[in-house]
């Protein structure tokens, strides 16, 4: 059995690609603050979070599929994976015919190009490729409000970006790091902006960092006691 504490959650990649500091606050500080958008997204996502399989003549659809990569130390779930019959595909235990796999990640709102979403989707594909010993050239983002798909090419550029984000998150996690705030347009629509305080002066930020380090040392002392 895999110890999830040793792995990075796929959702953490999305957070880090959006903002490394946000990811660190959620992952290391166990902080979270909802906004109207995050609440809406949570409820829309829950509609598809039921693990089951649908079978049709030439396609098998897997919902809420557990995935992992031992090589990359990432783990999580795919909202939906389509296994479509293809003579040049891969033979898998759950299918009586060769298939190509097509991961689909659900997002709320209307269709929009968000790199962090593509990185999460690409990480899902990397997991499936390792698990099933296959190659996955394309996946899609499905936007629930508009009921539309955005095809995503899982090319070498996106794969490289995804692996870089995985390495970044691992450094943040293992080093218990909190990247400094970098105020920008994204901060205005971030649900964590009040917790993050991106406009805080450096002197105050340094004081908060000192408190964080003291809390980290206290936690370490408790674990070794």
Protein backbone atom coordinates (compact mmCIF):
# COMPACT_ATOMS: atom_id res chain seq x y z
CA UNK A 1 0.00 0.00 0.00
CA UNK A 2 1.31 3.46 -0.95
CA UNK A 3 1.80 5.98 1.83
CA UNK A 4 0.13 9.16 0.58
CA UNK A 5 2.41 11.22 2.81
CA UNK A 6 5.29 10.27 0.51
CA UNK A 7 3.42 11.39 -2.61
CA UNK A 8 2.22 14.68 -4.05
CA UNK A 9 -1.49 15.06 -4.66
CA UNK A 10 -2.47 15.98 -8.21
CA UNK A 11 -4.56 18.85 -6.84
CA UNK A 12 -1.42 20.31 -5.24
CA UNK A 13 0.13 20.64 -8.68
CA UNK A 14 -2.77 22.84 -9.78
CA UNK A 15 -2.29 25.08 -6.75
CA UNK A 16 1.47 25.36 -7.26
CA UNK A 17 1.17 26.11 -10.97
CA UNK A 18 -1.23 28.93 -10.06
CA UNK A 19 0.91 30.21 -7.18
CA UNK A 20 3.66 28.37 -5.24
CA UNK A 21 2.93 30.37 -2.10
CA UNK A 22 -0.74 29.40 -2.24
CA UNK A 23 0.25 25.74 -2.56
CA UNK A 24 2.59 26.02 0.43
CA UNK A 25 -0.07 27.66 2.62
CA UNK A 26 -2.52 24.87 1.82
CA UNK A 27 -0.06 21.98 1.91
CA UNK A 28 2.34 22.90 4.72
CA UNK A 29 0.35 25.37 6.80
CA UNK A 30 -2.98 23.51 6.46
CA UNK A 31 -4.72 26.80 5.66
CA UNK A 32 -7.71 27.24 3.37
CA UNK A 33 -10.19 29.98 2.65
CA UNK A 34 -13.17 29.59 0.35
CA UNK A 35 -14.58 32.09 -2.09
CA UNK A 36 -17.86 32.00 -3.99
CA UNK A 37 -16.01 30.47 -6.95
CA UNK A 38 -14.31 27.72 -4.93
CA UNK A 39 -17.58 26.76 -3.21
CA UNK A 40 -19.38 26.59 -6.54
CA UNK A 41 -16.55 24.57 -8.04
CA UNK A 42 -16.62 22.15 -5.10
CA UNK A 43 -20.33 21.41 -5.49
CA UNK A 44 -20.09 21.05 -9.26
CA UNK A 45 -17.13 18.70 -8.87
CA UNK A 46 -18.96 16.54 -6.34
CA UNK A 47 -21.53 15.66 -8.97
CA UNK A 48 -19.00 13.50 -10.79
CA UNK A 49 -17.20 12.13 -7.72
CA UNK A 50 -18.72 8.68 -7.73
CA UNK A 51 -16.56 5.78 -8.80
CA UNK A 52 -18.26 3.67 -11.44
CA UNK A 53 -17.83 2.29 -14.95
CA UNK A 54 -20.03 2.65 -18.01
CA UNK A 55 -19.68 0.28 -20.97
CA UNK A 56 -20.83 0.80 -24.53
CA UNK A 57 -20.00 -1.04 -27.74
CA UNK A 58 -16.63 0.53 -28.47
CA UNK A 59 -15.99 2.64 -25.37
CA UNK A 60 -15.56 2.14 -21.63
CA UNK A 61 -15.83 5.18 -19.39
CA UNK A 62 -14.22 5.11 -15.95
CA UNK A 63 -15.33 7.71 -13.41
CA UNK A 64 -13.29 8.77 -10.37
CA UNK A 65 -10.35 6.57 -11.31
CA UNK A 66 -7.49 6.27 -8.80
CA UNK A 67 -4.12 6.96 -10.45
CA UNK A 68 -0.50 7.19 -9.36
CA UNK A 69 3.06 7.36 -10.57
CA UNK A 70 5.70 5.70 -8.42
CA UNK A 71 8.43 7.21 -10.61
CA UNK A 72 7.20 10.79 -10.10
CA UNK A 73 5.73 10.28 -6.61
CA UNK A 74 2.31 11.71 -7.51
CA UNK A 75 -1.12 10.34 -6.68
CA UNK A 76 -4.75 11.31 -7.07
CA UNK A 77 -7.87 10.73 -9.13
CA UNK A 78 -9.07 11.28 -12.68
CA UNK A 79 -12.61 12.62 -12.94
CA UNK A 80 -13.13 10.61 -16.10
CA UNK A 81 -11.06 8.32 -18.30
CA UNK A 82 -12.40 7.18 -21.66
CA UNK A 83 -11.03 3.90 -23.03
CA UNK A 84 -11.88 3.90 -26.72
CA UNK A 85 -11.48 0.87 -28.97
CA UNK A 86 -8.50 1.19 -31.28
CA UNK A 87 -6.64 -1.59 -33.08
CA UNK A 88 -3.36 0.18 -32.36
CA UNK A 89 -4.21 0.63 -28.70
CA UNK A 90 -3.22 -1.15 -25.50
CA UNK A 91 -4.79 -4.31 -24.10
CA UNK A 92 -5.95 -3.70 -20.51
CA UNK A 93 -7.56 -6.10 -17.99
CA UNK A 94 -10.90 -4.28 -17.89
CA UNK A 95 -11.40 -4.25 -21.68
CA UNK A 96 -11.96 -7.11 -24.12
CA UNK A 97 -10.47 -5.05 -26.98
CA UNK A 98 -7.38 -2.82 -27.38
CA UNK A 99 -7.99 0.78 -26.32
CA UNK A 100 -6.49 4.25 -26.27
CA UNK A 101 -6.96 6.22 -23.05
CA UNK A 102 -8.32 9.75 -22.94
CA UNK A 103 -8.36 11.51 -19.53
CA UNK A 104 -10.89 14.28 -18.91
CA UNK A 105 -10.65 16.73 -16.00
CA UNK A 106 -13.80 18.56 -14.86
CA UNK A 107 -13.63 22.29 -14.09
CA UNK A 108 -16.38 24.73 -13.20
CA UNK A 109 -17.17 27.85 -15.19
CA UNK A 110 -16.87 28.55 -18.89
CA UNK A 111 -14.14 27.41 -21.26
CA UNK A 112 -10.83 29.14 -20.59
CA UNK A 113 -7.15 28.48 -21.19
CA UNK A 114 -5.61 27.94 -17.76
CA UNK A 115 -2.12 26.45 -17.71
CA UNK A 116 -2.50 25.03 -14.20
CA UNK A 117 -5.49 22.97 -15.37
CA UNK A 118 -3.49 21.59 -18.28
CA UNK A 119 -0.65 20.67 -15.94
CA UNK A 120 -3.02 18.73 -13.68
CA UNK A 121 -4.44 16.91 -16.71
CA UNK A 122 -0.96 16.13 -17.99
CA UNK A 123 0.02 14.71 -14.60
CA UNK A 124 -3.01 12.41 -14.75
CA UNK A 125 -1.87 11.21 -18.16
CA UNK A 126 1.65 10.56 -16.88
CA UNK A 127 0.15 8.40 -14.13
CA UNK A 128 -2.00 6.45 -16.57
CA UNK A 129 0.91 5.95 -18.94
CA UNK A 130 3.00 4.42 -16.17
CA UNK A 131 0.16 2.30 -14.79
CA UNK A 132 -1.00 0.97 -18.16
CA UNK A 133 2.29 1.00 -20.08
CA UNK A 134 0.82 3.10 -22.85
CA UNK A 135 1.13 6.56 -24.40
CA UNK A 136 -1.53 9.27 -24.20
CA UNK A 137 -1.14 12.10 -26.71
CA UNK A 138 -4.29 14.04 -25.80
CA UNK A 139 -6.82 14.68 -23.06
CA UNK A 140 -9.48 17.30 -22.38
CA UNK A 141 -10.80 19.78 -19.85
CA UNK A 142 -14.59 19.72 -19.47
CA UNK A 143 -16.15 22.95 -18.23
CA UNK A 144 -19.36 22.21 -16.39
CA UNK A 145 -21.11 25.56 -16.79
CA UNK A 146 -20.80 25.65 -20.56
CA UNK A 147 -20.84 21.84 -21.02
CA UNK A 148 -17.94 22.09 -23.42
CA UNK A 149 -14.63 20.30 -23.78
CA UNK A 150 -11.28 21.92 -24.43
CA UNK A 151 -8.91 19.39 -26.07
CA UNK A 152 -5.37 19.54 -24.69
CA UNK A 153 -2.34 18.24 -26.57
CA UNK A 154 -0.03 16.50 -24.10
CA UNK A 155 3.12 17.48 -25.95
CA UNK A 156 6.73 17.52 -24.72
CA UNK A 157 6.55 21.17 -23.70
CA UNK A 158 3.57 20.57 -21.40
CA UNK A 159 5.14 17.40 -20.02
CA UNK A 160 8.34 19.30 -19.17
CA UNK A 161 6.36 22.05 -17.42
CA UNK A 162 4.42 19.43 -15.47
CA UNK A 163 7.57 17.68 -14.28
CA UNK A 164 9.06 21.03 -13.26
CA UNK A 165 5.98 21.79 -11.16
CA UNK A 166 6.17 18.32 -9.58
CA UNK A 167 9.80 19.01 -8.61
CA UNK A 168 8.84 22.43 -7.21
CA UNK A 169 6.05 21.00 -5.06
CA UNK A 170 8.36 18.27 -3.77
CA UNK A 171 10.91 20.92 -2.71
CA UNK A 172 8.20 22.93 -0.97
CA UNK A 173 6.86 19.85 0.78
CA UNK A 174 10.14 18.30 1.86
CA UNK A 175 11.69 21.62 2.91
CA UNK A 176 8.51 22.90 4.54
CA UNK A 177 9.04 26.06 2.50
CA UNK A 178 6.86 29.13 2.25
CA UNK A 179 7.73 31.10 -0.90
CA UNK A 180 7.59 34.89 -0.49
CA UNK A 181 4.50 36.72 -1.77
CA UNK A 182 4.56 38.10 -5.29
CA UNK A 183 1.63 40.46 -5.72
CA UNK A 184 0.00 40.40 -9.15
CA UNK A 185 -3.35 40.25 -10.99
CA UNK A 186 -3.96 36.67 -9.83
CA UNK A 187 -4.04 37.85 -6.22
CA UNK A 188 -7.27 39.75 -6.79
CA UNK A 189 -9.24 36.59 -7.58
CA UNK A 190 -7.42 34.28 -5.17
CA UNK A 191 -9.53 32.94 -2.29
CA UNK A 192 -6.38 32.90 -0.13
CA UNK A 193 -5.42 36.55 -0.49
CA UNK A 194 -6.47 37.51 3.06
CA UNK A 195 -4.50 34.61 4.52
CA UNK A 196 -1.54 35.15 2.20
CA UNK A 197 -1.43 38.94 2.66
CA UNK A 198 0.60 39.53 -0.52
CA UNK A 199 0.88 43.27 0.17
CA UNK A 200 2.30 42.82 3.67
CA UNK A 201 5.47 44.83 4.24
CA UNK A 202 8.66 42.82 4.40
CA UNK A 203 9.27 43.58 8.11
CA UNK A 204 5.87 42.15 9.01
CA UNK A 205 6.37 39.26 6.62
CA UNK A 206 9.70 38.49 8.29
CA UNK A 207 8.04 38.43 11.70
CA UNK A 208 5.40 36.00 10.41
CA UNK A 209 8.14 33.83 8.93
CA UNK A 210 9.89 33.75 12.30
CA UNK A 211 6.69 32.59 13.98
CA UNK A 212 6.27 29.93 11.34
CA UNK A 213 9.80 28.63 11.91
CA UNK A 214 9.20 28.51 15.67
CA UNK A 215 6.00 26.53 15.11
CA UNK A 216 7.87 24.15 12.82
CA UNK A 217 10.57 23.58 15.45
CA UNK A 218 7.96 22.99 18.15
CA UNK A 219 6.21 20.41 15.96
CA UNK A 220 9.53 18.68 15.30
CA UNK A 221 10.27 18.56 19.04
CA UNK A 222 6.87 16.96 19.71
CA UNK A 223 7.47 14.29 17.07
CA UNK A 224 10.87 13.36 18.50
CA UNK A 225 9.74 13.47 22.15
